[in-house]
């Protein structure tokens, strides 16, 4: 019985490490709207060298509050109109600081999910039938992920 347990532990220690590109990749998982009108967005991510996310101390360039990369998850908001998908100018952009993720084990590779609570996810008073979001994730080496889009989301 002990030999079986030791064999299972030994095999688990020999599992291959996941191999992902050093640049982050993201994928759309879900967008759920609650009855109150707020929404939850879930994106999956991978990163081969494990440097996704920013800590609170990341405040010097290129992550300073006035720097281009202060936010490491940036969303593009679009509305469907008779002209197709249009990108209106927003007063407050959909930009977030995803916290630093820590790899577990000996491999630096990361995979996980990013969950965002969106209290306002469409422009009230807009004539758009639906909206969508495009997202890009940046790592600490300033490598950008692919851009991923939500499907068109019917506005309330």
C-alpha atoms as a PDB file:
ATOM      1  CA  UNK A   1       0.000   0.000   0.000  1.00  0.00           C
ATOM      2  CA  UNK A   2       2.825   2.436   0.871  1.00  0.00           C
ATOM      3  CA  UNK A   3       4.626   1.511  -2.337  1.00  0.00           C
ATOM      4  CA  UNK A   4       1.551   2.491  -4.359  1.00  0.00           C
ATOM      5  CA  UNK A   5       1.307   5.882  -2.591  1.00  0.00           C
ATOM      6  CA  UNK A   6       5.036   6.514  -3.072  1.00  0.00           C
ATOM      7  CA  UNK A   7       4.729   5.609  -6.762  1.00  0.00           C
ATOM      8  CA  UNK A   8       1.843   8.051  -7.254  1.00  0.00           C
ATOM      9  CA  UNK A   9       3.769  10.841  -5.501  1.00  0.00           C
ATOM     10  CA  UNK A  10       6.848  10.134  -7.614  1.00  0.00           C
ATOM     11  CA  UNK A  11       4.825  10.224 -10.837  1.00  0.00           C
ATOM     12  CA  UNK A  12       3.158  13.489  -9.819  1.00  0.00           C
ATOM     13  CA  UNK A  13       6.603  15.012  -9.287  1.00  0.00           C
ATOM     14  CA  UNK A  14       7.574  14.083 -12.836  1.00  0.00           C
ATOM     15  CA  UNK A  15       4.629  15.724 -14.568  1.00  0.00           C
ATOM     16  CA  UNK A  16       5.784  17.974 -17.391  1.00  0.00           C
ATOM     17  CA  UNK A  17       5.714  21.714 -16.805  1.00  0.00           C
ATOM     18  CA  UNK A  18       3.259  23.612 -18.965  1.00  0.00           C
ATOM     19  CA  UNK A  19       4.922  25.417 -21.857  1.00  0.00           C
ATOM     20  CA  UNK A  20       3.426  28.726 -22.945  1.00  0.00           C
ATOM     21  CA  UNK A  21       4.869  31.602 -24.975  1.00  0.00           C
ATOM     22  CA  UNK A  22       6.610  34.333 -22.949  1.00  0.00           C
ATOM     23  CA  UNK A  23       4.022  36.807 -24.228  1.00  0.00           C
ATOM     24  CA  UNK A  24       0.672  36.642 -22.459  1.00  0.00           C
ATOM     25  CA  UNK A  25      -2.303  35.198 -24.285  1.00  0.00           C
ATOM     26  CA  UNK A  26      -5.920  35.763 -23.353  1.00  0.00           C
ATOM     27  CA  UNK A  27      -9.231  34.151 -24.268  1.00  0.00           C
ATOM     28  CA  UNK A  28     -12.811  35.213 -23.671  1.00  0.00           C
ATOM     29  CA  UNK A  29     -14.573  32.967 -21.129  1.00  0.00           C
ATOM     30  CA  UNK A  30     -17.828  34.660 -20.163  1.00  0.00           C
ATOM     31  CA  UNK A  31     -19.782  37.871 -19.705  1.00  0.00           C
ATOM     32  CA  UNK A  32     -22.685  37.596 -17.271  1.00  0.00           C
ATOM     33  CA  UNK A  33     -25.190  40.371 -16.569  1.00  0.00           C
ATOM     34  CA  UNK A  34     -26.849  40.380 -13.143  1.00  0.00           C
ATOM     35  CA  UNK A  35     -30.500  41.421 -12.659  1.00  0.00           C
ATOM     36  CA  UNK A  36     -29.286  44.692 -11.115  1.00  0.00           C
ATOM     37  CA  UNK A  37     -27.544  45.525 -14.403  1.00  0.00           C
ATOM     38  CA  UNK A  38     -23.903  45.153 -13.422  1.00  0.00           C
ATOM     39  CA  UNK A  39     -21.800  42.576 -15.251  1.00  0.00           C
ATOM     40  CA  UNK A  40     -18.939  40.165 -14.639  1.00  0.00           C
ATOM     41  CA  UNK A  41     -16.341  39.530 -17.323  1.00  0.00           C
ATOM     42  CA  UNK A  42     -14.028  36.514 -17.174  1.00  0.00           C
ATOM     43  CA  UNK A  43     -10.899  36.174 -19.333  1.00  0.00           C
ATOM     44  CA  UNK A  44      -8.495  33.220 -19.298  1.00  0.00           C
ATOM     45  CA  UNK A  45      -4.762  33.920 -19.597  1.00  0.00           C
ATOM     46  CA  UNK A  46      -1.426  32.162 -19.982  1.00  0.00           C
ATOM     47  CA  UNK A  47       2.111  33.511 -19.693  1.00  0.00           C
ATOM     48  CA  UNK A  48       5.257  31.429 -20.144  1.00  0.00           C
ATOM     49  CA  UNK A  49       7.694  33.536 -18.126  1.00  0.00           C
ATOM     50  CA  UNK A  50       5.300  34.333 -15.282  1.00  0.00           C
ATOM     51  CA  UNK A  51       5.461  38.113 -15.306  1.00  0.00           C
ATOM     52  CA  UNK A  52       1.795  39.001 -15.610  1.00  0.00           C
ATOM     53  CA  UNK A  53       0.391  41.572 -13.250  1.00  0.00           C
ATOM     54  CA  UNK A  54       1.511  44.664 -11.382  1.00  0.00           C
ATOM     55  CA  UNK A  55       2.133  45.193  -7.686  1.00  0.00           C
ATOM     56  CA  UNK A  56       1.123  48.323  -5.794  1.00  0.00           C
ATOM     57  CA  UNK A  57       4.789  49.329  -5.756  1.00  0.00           C
ATOM     58  CA  UNK A  58       4.948  49.382  -9.579  1.00  0.00           C
ATOM     59  CA  UNK A  59       4.684  53.171  -9.759  1.00  0.00           C
ATOM     60  CA  UNK A  60       7.845  54.171 -11.620  1.00  0.00           C
ATOM     61  CA  UNK A  61       8.035  54.457 -15.421  1.00  0.00           C
ATOM     62  CA  UNK A  62       6.751  52.716 -17.441  1.00  0.00           C
ATOM     63  CA  UNK A  63       4.020  52.016 -14.847  1.00  0.00           C
ATOM     64  CA  UNK A  64       3.638  55.504 -13.312  1.00  0.00           C
ATOM     65  CA  UNK A  65       0.140  56.982 -13.104  1.00  0.00           C
ATOM     66  CA  UNK A  66       0.730  59.176 -16.165  1.00  0.00           C
ATOM     67  CA  UNK A  67       2.518  56.437 -18.160  1.00  0.00           C
ATOM     68  CA  UNK A  68       1.042  54.504 -21.067  1.00  0.00           C
ATOM     69  CA  UNK A  69       1.437  51.183 -19.210  1.00  0.00           C
ATOM     70  CA  UNK A  70       0.041  52.227 -15.817  1.00  0.00           C
ATOM     71  CA  UNK A  71      -2.874  49.908 -16.638  1.00  0.00           C
ATOM     72  CA  UNK A  72      -2.022  46.414 -17.834  1.00  0.00           C
ATOM     73  CA  UNK A  73      -5.495  45.315 -18.961  1.00  0.00           C
ATOM     74  CA  UNK A  74      -7.004  47.700 -21.477  1.00  0.00           C
ATOM     75  CA  UNK A  75     -10.462  47.415 -22.980  1.00  0.00           C
ATOM     76  CA  UNK A  76     -11.853  48.874 -26.178  1.00  0.00           C
ATOM     77  CA  UNK A  77     -15.566  49.651 -26.043  1.00  0.00           C
ATOM     78  CA  UNK A  78     -17.608  49.513 -29.257  1.00  0.00           C
ATOM     79  CA  UNK A  79     -21.272  50.004 -30.112  1.00  0.00           C
ATOM     80  CA  UNK A  80     -23.255  48.490 -32.981  1.00  0.00           C
ATOM     81  CA  UNK A  81     -24.942  51.161 -35.077  1.00  0.00           C
ATOM     82  CA  UNK A  82     -26.323  51.343 -38.599  1.00  0.00           C
ATOM     83  CA  UNK A  83     -22.711  52.026 -39.665  1.00  0.00           C
ATOM     84  CA  UNK A  84     -21.336  48.861 -38.021  1.00  0.00           C
ATOM     85  CA  UNK A  85     -19.101  48.691 -34.964  1.00  0.00           C
ATOM     86  CA  UNK A  86     -18.008  52.169 -33.861  1.00  0.00           C
ATOM     87  CA  UNK A  87     -15.669  53.176 -31.049  1.00  0.00           C
ATOM     88  CA  UNK A  88     -17.039  56.205 -29.186  1.00  0.00           C
ATOM     89  CA  UNK A  89     -14.783  58.475 -27.159  1.00  0.00           C
ATOM     90  CA  UNK A  90     -15.150  57.597 -23.483  1.00  0.00           C
ATOM     91  CA  UNK A  91     -14.567  59.968 -20.572  1.00  0.00           C
ATOM     92  CA  UNK A  92     -13.403  57.050 -18.432  1.00  0.00           C
ATOM     93  CA  UNK A  93     -11.694  54.228 -20.339  1.00  0.00           C
ATOM     94  CA  UNK A  94     -12.013  50.548 -19.487  1.00  0.00           C
ATOM     95  CA  UNK A  95      -8.486  50.172 -18.068  1.00  0.00           C
ATOM     96  CA  UNK A  96      -7.419  48.090 -15.081  1.00  0.00           C
ATOM     97  CA  UNK A  97      -4.347  47.127 -13.067  1.00  0.00           C
ATOM     98  CA  UNK A  98      -4.391  43.353 -12.812  1.00  0.00           C
ATOM     99  CA  UNK A  99      -2.490  42.306  -9.658  1.00  0.00           C
ATOM    100  CA  UNK A 100       0.745  40.394  -9.925  1.00  0.00           C
ATOM    101  CA  UNK A 101       0.286  36.640 -10.218  1.00  0.00           C
ATOM    102  CA  UNK A 102       2.755  34.340  -8.497  1.00  0.00           C
ATOM    103  CA  UNK A 103       3.710  31.055 -10.177  1.00  0.00           C
ATOM    104  CA  UNK A 104       3.499  27.937  -8.030  1.00  0.00           C
ATOM    105  CA  UNK A 105       6.082  25.179  -8.212  1.00  0.00           C
ATOM    106  CA  UNK A 106       9.352  25.343 -10.079  1.00  0.00           C
ATOM    107  CA  UNK A 107       7.954  26.481 -13.437  1.00  0.00           C
ATOM    108  CA  UNK A 108       7.451  30.215 -14.007  1.00  0.00           C
ATOM    109  CA  UNK A 109       4.532  29.537 -16.387  1.00  0.00           C
ATOM    110  CA  UNK A 110       1.146  30.931 -15.410  1.00  0.00           C
ATOM    111  CA  UNK A 111      -2.380  30.153 -16.431  1.00  0.00           C
ATOM    112  CA  UNK A 112      -5.513  31.373 -14.784  1.00  0.00           C
ATOM    113  CA  UNK A 113      -8.518  33.638 -15.035  1.00  0.00           C
ATOM    114  CA  UNK A 114      -9.066  37.364 -14.643  1.00  0.00           C
ATOM    115  CA  UNK A 115     -12.502  38.331 -13.331  1.00  0.00           C
ATOM    116  CA  UNK A 116     -13.718  41.923 -13.660  1.00  0.00           C
ATOM    117  CA  UNK A 117     -16.806  43.430 -12.066  1.00  0.00           C
ATOM    118  CA  UNK A 118     -18.210  46.021 -14.464  1.00  0.00           C
ATOM    119  CA  UNK A 119     -20.714  48.265 -12.693  1.00  0.00           C
ATOM    120  CA  UNK A 120     -21.340  50.223 -15.872  1.00  0.00           C
ATOM    121  CA  UNK A 121     -20.755  48.373 -19.106  1.00  0.00           C
ATOM    122  CA  UNK A 122     -22.715  50.359 -21.674  1.00  0.00           C
ATOM    123  CA  UNK A 123     -23.362  54.038 -22.332  1.00  0.00           C
ATOM    124  CA  UNK A 124     -26.771  54.973 -20.938  1.00  0.00           C
ATOM    125  CA  UNK A 125     -28.793  56.967 -23.455  1.00  0.00           C
ATOM    126  CA  UNK A 126     -26.982  55.433 -26.418  1.00  0.00           C
ATOM    127  CA  UNK A 127     -29.024  54.245 -29.398  1.00  0.00           C
ATOM    128  CA  UNK A 128     -26.829  51.162 -29.796  1.00  0.00           C
ATOM    129  CA  UNK A 129     -28.566  47.783 -29.970  1.00  0.00           C
ATOM    130  CA  UNK A 130     -25.500  46.005 -28.642  1.00  0.00           C
ATOM    131  CA  UNK A 131     -21.967  46.608 -27.439  1.00  0.00           C
ATOM    132  CA  UNK A 132     -18.753  44.610 -27.318  1.00  0.00           C
ATOM    133  CA  UNK A 133     -15.350  44.846 -25.685  1.00  0.00           C
ATOM    134  CA  UNK A 134     -11.878  44.111 -27.025  1.00  0.00           C
ATOM    135  CA  UNK A 135      -9.205  43.361 -24.399  1.00  0.00           C
ATOM    136  CA  UNK A 136      -5.390  43.370 -24.377  1.00  0.00           C
ATOM    137  CA  UNK A 137      -3.183  42.285 -21.448  1.00  0.00           C
ATOM    138  CA  UNK A 138       0.378  43.603 -20.990  1.00  0.00           C
ATOM    139  CA  UNK A 139       3.082  41.863 -18.952  1.00  0.00           C
ATOM    140  CA  UNK A 140       5.872  43.588 -16.992  1.00  0.00           C
ATOM    141  CA  UNK A 141       8.250  43.262 -19.973  1.00  0.00           C
ATOM    142  CA  UNK A 142       5.664  45.297 -21.961  1.00  0.00           C
ATOM    143  CA  UNK A 143       4.744  42.337 -24.152  1.00  0.00           C
ATOM    144  CA  UNK A 144       1.135  42.590 -25.249  1.00  0.00           C
ATOM    145  CA  UNK A 145      -1.256  39.704 -25.546  1.00  0.00           C
ATOM    146  CA  UNK A 146      -3.509  39.009 -28.463  1.00  0.00           C
ATOM    147  CA  UNK A 147      -6.673  41.093 -28.567  1.00  0.00           C
ATOM    148  CA  UNK A 148      -9.802  39.152 -27.694  1.00  0.00           C
ATOM    149  CA  UNK A 149     -13.383  40.343 -28.224  1.00  0.00           C
ATOM    150  CA  UNK A 150     -16.556  39.588 -26.352  1.00  0.00           C
ATOM    151  CA  UNK A 151     -19.504  38.671 -28.522  1.00  0.00           C
ATOM    152  CA  UNK A 152     -22.027  41.407 -29.189  1.00  0.00           C
ATOM    153  CA  UNK A 153     -23.923  42.054 -25.947  1.00  0.00           C
ATOM    154  CA  UNK A 154     -27.529  43.264 -26.067  1.00  0.00           C
ATOM    155  CA  UNK A 155     -27.972  46.489 -24.127  1.00  0.00           C
ATOM    156  CA  UNK A 156     -30.777  46.658 -21.557  1.00  0.00           C
END
